[in-house]
Amino acid sequence: MRSAKVALRAHGSRFARFSIIGAIAGAADFTVYLSLVAFGAPPVVANFPAFVASTVTSYNLNARITFRRNGAPAPVSLSGYARYFSAYVFSLIVSTAIIGFFAGPIGAVPAKIAAIPIAAVCNYLASHFLVFGRHAENEGAGAGPESA
């Protein structure tokens, strides 16, 4: 039971950092999305370049801040970003489906807002388990299991 509490505490701290970075990446996403919609792009089409802007931002910041180990950032590379991007495609599909379903009835911006929390959970789980993996397991600086 104690190890579950330690793991939950580590994930809680990591998810808090992930959420802050998500807000920053979300700003990049919304900037691109709103700009493209303002210039006449259909909301579903505007979602893809917004997604790319968001993933580039979040990959770099999460590697440097969220998934640090022993004070060192997680490695960043083009192949690492490719894995990150691939893992996030699921959330792109989910968020695009939500936008596609709700944009007509409630509007493009509320539909995008509705998609964000669902995509955030998908993104954290993919980042932790599929992208940064072992690097995230032994996080140093007081939040990892071996520091408790």
C-alpha atoms as a PDB file:
ATOM      1  CA  MET A   1       0.000   0.000   0.000  1.00  0.00           C
ATOM      2  CA  ARG A   2       2.869   2.354   0.818  1.00  0.00           C
ATOM      3  CA  SER A   3       4.410   1.929  -2.625  1.00  0.00           C
ATOM      4  CA  ALA A   4       1.031   2.763  -4.204  1.00  0.00           C
ATOM      5  CA  LYS A   5       0.913   5.999  -2.177  1.00  0.00           C
ATOM      6  CA  VAL A   6       4.467   6.861  -3.199  1.00  0.00           C
ATOM      7  CA  ALA A   7       3.689   6.146  -6.855  1.00  0.00           C
ATOM      8  CA  LEU A   8       0.484   8.188  -6.673  1.00  0.00           C
ATOM      9  CA  ARG A   9       2.375  11.102  -5.087  1.00  0.00           C
ATOM     10  CA  ALA A  10       5.050  10.903  -7.801  1.00  0.00           C
ATOM     11  CA  HIS A  11       2.400  10.825 -10.529  1.00  0.00           C
ATOM     12  CA  GLY A  12       0.483  13.668  -8.887  1.00  0.00           C
ATOM     13  CA  SER A  13       3.552  15.882  -8.850  1.00  0.00           C
ATOM     14  CA  ARG A  14       4.503  14.885 -12.361  1.00  0.00           C
ATOM     15  CA  PHE A  15       0.933  15.365 -13.620  1.00  0.00           C
ATOM     16  CA  ALA A  16       0.881  18.861 -12.072  1.00  0.00           C
ATOM     17  CA  ARG A  17       4.015  19.802 -14.043  1.00  0.00           C
ATOM     18  CA  PHE A  18       2.569  18.083 -17.102  1.00  0.00           C
ATOM     19  CA  SER A  19      -0.615  20.155 -16.713  1.00  0.00           C
ATOM     20  CA  ILE A  20       1.257  23.452 -16.482  1.00  0.00           C
ATOM     21  CA  ILE A  21       3.228  22.570 -19.597  1.00  0.00           C
ATOM     22  CA  GLY A  22      -0.026  21.464 -21.178  1.00  0.00           C
ATOM     23  CA  ALA A  23      -1.425  24.951 -20.598  1.00  0.00           C
ATOM     24  CA  ILE A  24       1.593  26.433 -22.376  1.00  0.00           C
ATOM     25  CA  ALA A  25       1.288  23.940 -25.233  1.00  0.00           C
ATOM     26  CA  GLY A  26      -2.455  24.591 -25.256  1.00  0.00           C
ATOM     27  CA  ALA A  27      -1.764  28.283 -25.813  1.00  0.00           C
ATOM     28  CA  ALA A  28       0.320  27.358 -28.855  1.00  0.00           C
ATOM     29  CA  ASP A  29      -2.462  25.032 -30.009  1.00  0.00           C
ATOM     30  CA  PHE A  30      -5.197  27.637 -29.560  1.00  0.00           C
ATOM     31  CA  THR A  31      -3.147  30.365 -31.243  1.00  0.00           C
ATOM     32  CA  VAL A  32      -2.686  28.277 -34.373  1.00  0.00           C
ATOM     33  CA  TYR A  33      -6.249  26.905 -34.272  1.00  0.00           C
ATOM     34  CA  LEU A  34      -7.958  30.271 -33.809  1.00  0.00           C
ATOM     35  CA  SER A  35      -5.763  31.922 -36.434  1.00  0.00           C
ATOM     36  CA  LEU A  36      -6.595  29.283 -39.027  1.00  0.00           C
ATOM     37  CA  VAL A  37     -10.328  29.302 -38.196  1.00  0.00           C
ATOM     38  CA  ALA A  38     -10.302  33.134 -38.397  1.00  0.00           C
ATOM     39  CA  PHE A  39      -8.811  32.856 -41.895  1.00  0.00           C
ATOM     40  CA  GLY A  40     -11.586  30.482 -42.947  1.00  0.00           C
ATOM     41  CA  ALA A  41     -10.151  27.019 -42.327  1.00  0.00           C
ATOM     42  CA  PRO A  42     -12.734  24.434 -41.269  1.00  0.00           C
ATOM     43  CA  PRO A  43     -12.346  23.625 -37.550  1.00  0.00           C
ATOM     44  CA  VAL A  44     -11.436  19.973 -38.170  1.00  0.00           C
ATOM     45  CA  VAL A  45      -8.743  20.987 -40.669  1.00  0.00           C
ATOM     46  CA  ALA A  46      -7.364  23.695 -38.346  1.00  0.00           C
ATOM     47  CA  ASN A  47      -7.000  21.142 -35.567  1.00  0.00           C
ATOM     48  CA  PHE A  48      -4.101  19.279 -37.231  1.00  0.00           C
ATOM     49  CA  PRO A  49      -1.521  22.105 -37.516  1.00  0.00           C
ATOM     50  CA  ALA A  50      -2.594  23.253 -34.060  1.00  0.00           C
ATOM     51  CA  PHE A  51      -1.866  19.727 -32.824  1.00  0.00           C
ATOM     52  CA  VAL A  52       1.616  19.787 -34.379  1.00  0.00           C
ATOM     53  CA  ALA A  53       2.429  23.141 -32.739  1.00  0.00           C
ATOM     54  CA  SER A  54       1.239  21.797 -29.406  1.00  0.00           C
ATOM     55  CA  THR A  55       3.190  18.521 -29.592  1.00  0.00           C
ATOM     56  CA  VAL A  56       6.469  20.209 -30.537  1.00  0.00           C
ATOM     57  CA  THR A  57       6.072  22.577 -27.590  1.00  0.00           C
ATOM     58  CA  SER A  58       4.999  19.932 -25.085  1.00  0.00           C
ATOM     59  CA  TYR A  59       7.586  17.336 -26.150  1.00  0.00           C
ATOM     60  CA  ASN A  60      10.463  19.708 -25.578  1.00  0.00           C
ATOM     61  CA  LEU A  61       9.169  21.140 -22.299  1.00  0.00           C
ATOM     62  CA  ASN A  62       8.032  17.801 -20.852  1.00  0.00           C
ATOM     63  CA  ALA A  63      11.393  16.199 -21.621  1.00  0.00           C
ATOM     64  CA  ARG A  64      13.183  19.049 -19.860  1.00  0.00           C
ATOM     65  CA  ILE A  65      10.818  19.527 -16.895  1.00  0.00           C
ATOM     66  CA  THR A  66       8.230  16.797 -16.334  1.00  0.00           C
ATOM     67  CA  PHE A  67      10.132  13.601 -17.062  1.00  0.00           C
ATOM     68  CA  ARG A  68      13.521  14.531 -15.578  1.00  0.00           C
ATOM     69  CA  ARG A  69      15.590  11.847 -13.892  1.00  0.00           C
ATOM     70  CA  ASN A  70      18.251  12.557 -11.312  1.00  0.00           C
ATOM     71  CA  GLY A  71      18.145  16.216 -12.289  1.00  0.00           C
ATOM     72  CA  ALA A  72      18.792  15.530 -15.978  1.00  0.00           C
ATOM     73  CA  PRO A  73      16.261  16.127 -18.735  1.00  0.00           C
ATOM     74  CA  ALA A  74      14.944  13.194 -20.709  1.00  0.00           C
ATOM     75  CA  PRO A  75      16.759  12.818 -24.016  1.00  0.00           C
ATOM     76  CA  VAL A  76      15.281  14.844 -26.892  1.00  0.00           C
ATOM     77  CA  SER A  77      15.717  13.746 -30.508  1.00  0.00           C
ATOM     78  CA  LEU A  78      13.887  13.637 -33.804  1.00  0.00           C
ATOM     79  CA  SER A  79      13.198   9.925 -33.306  1.00  0.00           C
ATOM     80  CA  GLY A  80      11.986  10.670 -29.767  1.00  0.00           C
ATOM     81  CA  TYR A  81       9.623  13.302 -31.135  1.00  0.00           C
ATOM     82  CA  ALA A  82       8.429  10.790 -33.747  1.00  0.00           C
ATOM     83  CA  ARG A  83       7.536   8.357 -30.920  1.00  0.00           C
ATOM     84  CA  TYR A  84       5.877  11.180 -28.978  1.00  0.00           C
ATOM     85  CA  PHE A  85       3.932  12.318 -32.024  1.00  0.00           C
ATOM     86  CA  SER A  86       2.857   8.746 -32.803  1.00  0.00           C
ATOM     87  CA  ALA A  87       1.690   8.194 -29.235  1.00  0.00           C
ATOM     88  CA  TYR A  88      -0.288  11.437 -29.369  1.00  0.00           C
ATOM     89  CA  VAL A  89      -2.053  10.561 -32.605  1.00  0.00           C
ATOM     90  CA  PHE A  90      -4.663   8.749 -30.523  1.00  0.00           C
ATOM     91  CA  SER A  91      -5.501  11.980 -28.694  1.00  0.00           C
ATOM     92  CA  LEU A  92      -5.605  13.800 -32.040  1.00  0.00           C
ATOM     93  CA  ILE A  93      -8.188  11.305 -33.261  1.00  0.00           C
ATOM     94  CA  VAL A  94     -10.192  11.639 -30.049  1.00  0.00           C
ATOM     95  CA  SER A  95     -10.074  15.448 -29.979  1.00  0.00           C
ATOM     96  CA  THR A  96     -10.907  15.718 -33.684  1.00  0.00           C
ATOM     97  CA  ALA A  97     -13.886  13.399 -33.227  1.00  0.00           C
ATOM     98  CA  ILE A  98     -15.123  15.511 -30.306  1.00  0.00           C
ATOM     99  CA  ILE A  99     -14.685  18.704 -32.329  1.00  0.00           C
ATOM    100  CA  GLY A 100     -16.374  17.155 -35.355  1.00  0.00           C
ATOM    101  CA  PHE A 101     -19.318  15.988 -33.284  1.00  0.00           C
ATOM    102  CA  PHE A 102     -19.814  19.156 -31.204  1.00  0.00           C
ATOM    103  CA  ALA A 103     -18.634  22.059 -33.425  1.00  0.00           C
ATOM    104  CA  GLY A 104     -21.991  22.305 -35.210  1.00  0.00           C
ATOM    105  CA  PRO A 105     -24.248  22.234 -32.152  1.00  0.00           C
ATOM    106  CA  ILE A 106     -22.100  24.269 -29.701  1.00  0.00           C
ATOM    107  CA  GLY A 107     -19.523  26.077 -31.865  1.00  0.00           C
ATOM    108  CA  ALA A 108     -15.882  25.536 -32.807  1.00  0.00           C
ATOM    109  CA  VAL A 109     -14.298  27.062 -29.685  1.00  0.00           C
ATOM    110  CA  PRO A 110     -16.518  25.321 -27.080  1.00  0.00           C
ATOM    111  CA  ALA A 111     -15.986  22.037 -28.946  1.00  0.00           C
ATOM    112  CA  LYS A 112     -12.204  22.531 -28.748  1.00  0.00           C
ATOM    113  CA  ILE A 113     -12.469  23.335 -25.024  1.00  0.00           C
ATOM    114  CA  ALA A 114     -14.501  20.160 -24.449  1.00  0.00           C
ATOM    115  CA  ALA A 115     -11.795  18.080 -26.162  1.00  0.00           C
ATOM    116  CA  ILE A 116      -8.871  19.401 -24.097  1.00  0.00           C
ATOM    117  CA  PRO A 117      -9.282  17.549 -20.756  1.00  0.00           C
ATOM    118  CA  ILE A 118      -9.909  14.219 -22.450  1.00  0.00           C
ATOM    119  CA  ALA A 119      -6.858  14.653 -24.667  1.00  0.00           C
ATOM    120  CA  ALA A 120      -4.764  15.718 -21.640  1.00  0.00           C
ATOM    121  CA  VAL A 121      -5.330  12.426 -19.823  1.00  0.00           C
ATOM    122  CA  CYS A 122      -4.573  10.443 -22.984  1.00  0.00           C
ATOM    123  CA  ASN A 123      -1.407  12.501 -23.498  1.00  0.00           C
ATOM    124  CA  TYR A 124      -0.088  12.035 -19.946  1.00  0.00           C
ATOM    125  CA  LEU A 125      -0.584   8.282 -20.023  1.00  0.00           C
ATOM    126  CA  ALA A 126       1.064   8.001 -23.444  1.00  0.00           C
ATOM    127  CA  SER A 127       3.977  10.198 -22.354  1.00  0.00           C
ATOM    128  CA  HIS A 128       4.602   8.299 -19.155  1.00  0.00           C
ATOM    129  CA  PHE A 129       4.170   4.754 -20.402  1.00  0.00           C
ATOM    130  CA  LEU A 130       5.057   4.871 -24.103  1.00  0.00           C
ATOM    131  CA  VAL A 131       7.433   7.774 -24.709  1.00  0.00           C
ATOM    132  CA  PHE A 132       9.590   8.594 -21.707  1.00  0.00           C
ATOM    133  CA  GLY A 133       9.122   5.171 -20.086  1.00  0.00           C
ATOM    134  CA  ARG A 134      12.076   4.112 -17.994  1.00  0.00           C
ATOM    135  CA  HIS A 135      13.405   7.654 -17.851  1.00  0.00           C
ATOM    136  CA  ALA A 136      10.266   8.701 -15.965  1.00  0.00           C
ATOM    137  CA  GLU A 137      10.309   5.686 -13.647  1.00  0.00           C
ATOM    138  CA  ASN A 138      13.254   6.805 -11.525  1.00  0.00           C
ATOM    139  CA  GLU A 139      12.633  10.525 -11.405  1.00  0.00           C
ATOM    140  CA  GLY A 140      15.082  12.243  -9.113  1.00  0.00           C
ATOM    141  CA  ALA A 141      14.773  15.501  -7.208  1.00  0.00           C
ATOM    142  CA  GLY A 142      12.387  14.155  -4.586  1.00  0.00           C
ATOM    143  CA  ALA A 143       9.396  12.911  -6.534  1.00  0.00           C
ATOM    144  CA  GLY A 144      10.422   9.413  -7.565  1.00  0.00           C
ATOM    145  CA  PRO A 145       9.773   6.159  -5.726  1.00  0.00           C
ATOM    146  CA  GLU A 146      13.349   5.749  -4.481  1.00  0.00           C
ATOM    147  CA  SER A 147      13.354   9.167  -2.810  1.00  0.00           C
ATOM    148  CA  ALA A 148      10.506   8.395  -0.403  1.00  0.00           C
END
